Each structure stands twice: as structure tokens, then as C-alpha cells.
Amino acid sequence: MVAVAACAAGALAGAWPFSTLDVETYLTYASPFVFVDFEAPLALRWAQWLAVGVLYALAGVGIWALLGCLERGGRVSGNRR
């Protein structure tokens, strides 16, 4: 239960910078350049982009689990040799 809460908190922490950094315009090539706010502290910029990365990682694991590729315990299912 704690892992689910941590994943939900990580997804929420990634969703906020995803929208504030306007990542979707960069992913769809709607913007010809990436704006970087050099007035913001470096640690804050790193934390924001790290949170977006966590959001993508959790989305990937969620899709992987929905496709049934994970066994109980987080191991990849399939034939092992």
C-alpha cells in the first residue's frame, strides 16, 4: 500500500512540472526551441525535469503491468532459459 501511495505521489509530482514546463509543445514539435529559465535555481530545474522523468517511468511501468508483462513481485514474465 505504501508503494502505491509513493507511485501516486511521484506521478502527481511529475504531472505538475509537465504542465508548467509545457513539455507537450516540445514533444509535438510545436515550439522550435526549449525555453530555459536561468533565473530559477539550478536545483529546482533539475528537480522539475527529474519529476517529469519519474512520471514517464511510472507510466511505462503501468502500461507494462496492464499488458500483463509483469508477474507478482515485479519480475518480467516469459520463458526463461
C-alpha atoms as a PDB file:
ATOM      1  CA  MET A   1       0.000   0.000   0.000  1.00  0.00           C
ATOM      2  CA  VAL A   2       2.902   2.319   0.731  1.00  0.00           C
ATOM      3  CA  ALA A   3       4.362   1.636  -2.727  1.00  0.00           C
ATOM      4  CA  VAL A   4       1.080   2.595  -4.373  1.00  0.00           C
ATOM      5  CA  ALA A   5       0.974   5.835  -2.407  1.00  0.00           C
ATOM      6  CA  ALA A   6       4.588   6.587  -3.325  1.00  0.00           C
ATOM      7  CA  CYS A   7       3.871   5.956  -7.008  1.00  0.00           C
ATOM      8  CA  ALA A   8       0.796   8.175  -6.881  1.00  0.00           C
ATOM      9  CA  ALA A   9       2.810  10.932  -5.211  1.00  0.00           C
ATOM     10  CA  GLY A  10       5.542  10.556  -7.834  1.00  0.00           C
ATOM     11  CA  ALA A  11       3.016  10.759 -10.657  1.00  0.00           C
ATOM     12  CA  LEU A  12       1.443  13.880  -9.185  1.00  0.00           C
ATOM     13  CA  ALA A  13       4.864  15.395  -8.605  1.00  0.00           C
ATOM     14  CA  GLY A  14       5.667  14.781 -12.275  1.00  0.00           C
ATOM     15  CA  ALA A  15       2.335  15.973 -13.652  1.00  0.00           C
ATOM     16  CA  TRP A  16       2.750  19.459 -12.201  1.00  0.00           C
ATOM     17  CA  PRO A  17       6.082  20.300 -13.893  1.00  0.00           C
ATOM     18  CA  PHE A  18       4.890  18.538 -17.066  1.00  0.00           C
ATOM     19  CA  SER A  19       2.194  21.178 -17.400  1.00  0.00           C
ATOM     20  CA  THR A  20       4.164  24.151 -16.055  1.00  0.00           C
ATOM     21  CA  LEU A  21       7.203  23.436 -18.255  1.00  0.00           C
ATOM     22  CA  ASP A  22       4.868  22.973 -21.247  1.00  0.00           C
ATOM     23  CA  VAL A  23       6.506  19.693 -22.193  1.00  0.00           C
ATOM     24  CA  GLU A  24       3.732  18.711 -24.608  1.00  0.00           C
ATOM     25  CA  THR A  25       4.672  21.525 -27.013  1.00  0.00           C
ATOM     26  CA  TYR A  26       8.241  20.225 -27.120  1.00  0.00           C
ATOM     27  CA  LEU A  27       7.078  16.637 -27.673  1.00  0.00           C
ATOM     28  CA  THR A  28       4.853  17.643 -30.591  1.00  0.00           C
ATOM     29  CA  TYR A  29       7.494  19.957 -32.108  1.00  0.00           C
ATOM     30  CA  ALA A  30       5.122  22.920 -31.788  1.00  0.00           C
ATOM     31  CA  SER A  31       7.953  25.010 -30.352  1.00  0.00           C
ATOM     32  CA  PRO A  32      11.182  25.466 -32.297  1.00  0.00           C
ATOM     33  CA  PHE A  33      13.275  25.859 -29.136  1.00  0.00           C
ATOM     34  CA  VAL A  34      13.260  24.964 -25.448  1.00  0.00           C
ATOM     35  CA  PHE A  35      12.920  27.888 -23.077  1.00  0.00           C
ATOM     36  CA  VAL A  36      15.148  27.625 -20.015  1.00  0.00           C
ATOM     37  CA  ASP A  37      14.539  29.999 -17.144  1.00  0.00           C
ATOM     38  CA  PHE A  38      18.044  30.865 -15.972  1.00  0.00           C
ATOM     39  CA  GLU A  39      16.623  32.932 -13.110  1.00  0.00           C
ATOM     40  CA  ALA A  40      15.312  29.770 -11.419  1.00  0.00           C
ATOM     41  CA  PRO A  41      17.740  27.879  -9.187  1.00  0.00           C
ATOM     42  CA  LEU A  42      19.576  25.012 -10.853  1.00  0.00           C
ATOM     43  CA  ALA A  43      18.396  22.506  -8.241  1.00  0.00           C
ATOM     44  CA  LEU A  44      14.769  23.425  -8.940  1.00  0.00           C
ATOM     45  CA  ARG A  45      15.219  22.916 -12.691  1.00  0.00           C
ATOM     46  CA  TRP A  46      16.850  19.531 -12.118  1.00  0.00           C
ATOM     47  CA  ALA A  47      14.081  18.501  -9.716  1.00  0.00           C
ATOM     48  CA  GLN A  48      11.371  19.503 -12.195  1.00  0.00           C
ATOM     49  CA  TRP A  49      12.864  17.539 -15.079  1.00  0.00           C
ATOM     50  CA  LEU A  50      13.591  14.588 -12.797  1.00  0.00           C
ATOM     51  CA  ALA A  51       9.935  14.575 -11.723  1.00  0.00           C
ATOM     52  CA  VAL A  52       8.857  14.546 -15.375  1.00  0.00           C
ATOM     53  CA  GLY A  53      11.175  11.575 -15.921  1.00  0.00           C
ATOM     54  CA  VAL A  54       9.612   9.785 -12.952  1.00  0.00           C
ATOM     55  CA  LEU A  55       6.186  10.419 -14.479  1.00  0.00           C
ATOM     56  CA  TYR A  56       7.283   8.776 -17.743  1.00  0.00           C
ATOM     57  CA  ALA A  57       8.850   5.840 -15.900  1.00  0.00           C
ATOM     58  CA  LEU A  58       5.711   5.234 -13.848  1.00  0.00           C
ATOM     59  CA  ALA A  59       3.544   5.493 -16.956  1.00  0.00           C
ATOM     60  CA  GLY A  60       5.738   2.930 -18.695  1.00  0.00           C
ATOM     61  CA  VAL A  61       5.615   0.511 -15.774  1.00  0.00           C
ATOM     62  CA  GLY A  62       1.849   0.970 -15.544  1.00  0.00           C
ATOM     63  CA  ILE A  63       1.358   0.182 -19.226  1.00  0.00           C
ATOM     64  CA  TRP A  64       3.730  -2.782 -18.921  1.00  0.00           C
ATOM     65  CA  ALA A  65       1.705  -4.117 -15.990  1.00  0.00           C
ATOM     66  CA  LEU A  66      -1.609  -3.579 -17.777  1.00  0.00           C
ATOM     67  CA  LEU A  67      -0.325  -5.581 -20.728  1.00  0.00           C
ATOM     68  CA  GLY A  68       0.343  -8.426 -18.322  1.00  0.00           C
ATOM     69  CA  CYS A  69       4.098  -8.496 -18.783  1.00  0.00           C
ATOM     70  CA  LEU A  70       4.861  -8.366 -15.068  1.00  0.00           C
ATOM     71  CA  GLU A  71       4.497 -11.213 -12.631  1.00  0.00           C
ATOM     72  CA  ARG A  72       3.749 -10.758  -8.995  1.00  0.00           C
ATOM     73  CA  GLY A  73       6.800  -9.249  -7.332  1.00  0.00           C
ATOM     74  CA  GLY A  74       7.700  -7.012 -10.268  1.00  0.00           C
ATOM     75  CA  ARG A  75       9.527  -9.609 -12.349  1.00  0.00           C
ATOM     76  CA  VAL A  76       9.189  -9.795 -16.102  1.00  0.00           C
ATOM     77  CA  SER A  77       7.160 -12.818 -17.143  1.00  0.00           C
ATOM     78  CA  GLY A  78       8.020 -15.113 -20.031  1.00  0.00           C
ATOM     79  CA  ASN A  79      10.142 -18.099 -20.840  1.00  0.00           C
ATOM     80  CA  ARG A  80      13.457 -18.164 -19.080  1.00  0.00           C
ATOM     81  CA  ARG A  81      16.341 -20.286 -20.253  1.00  0.00           C
END
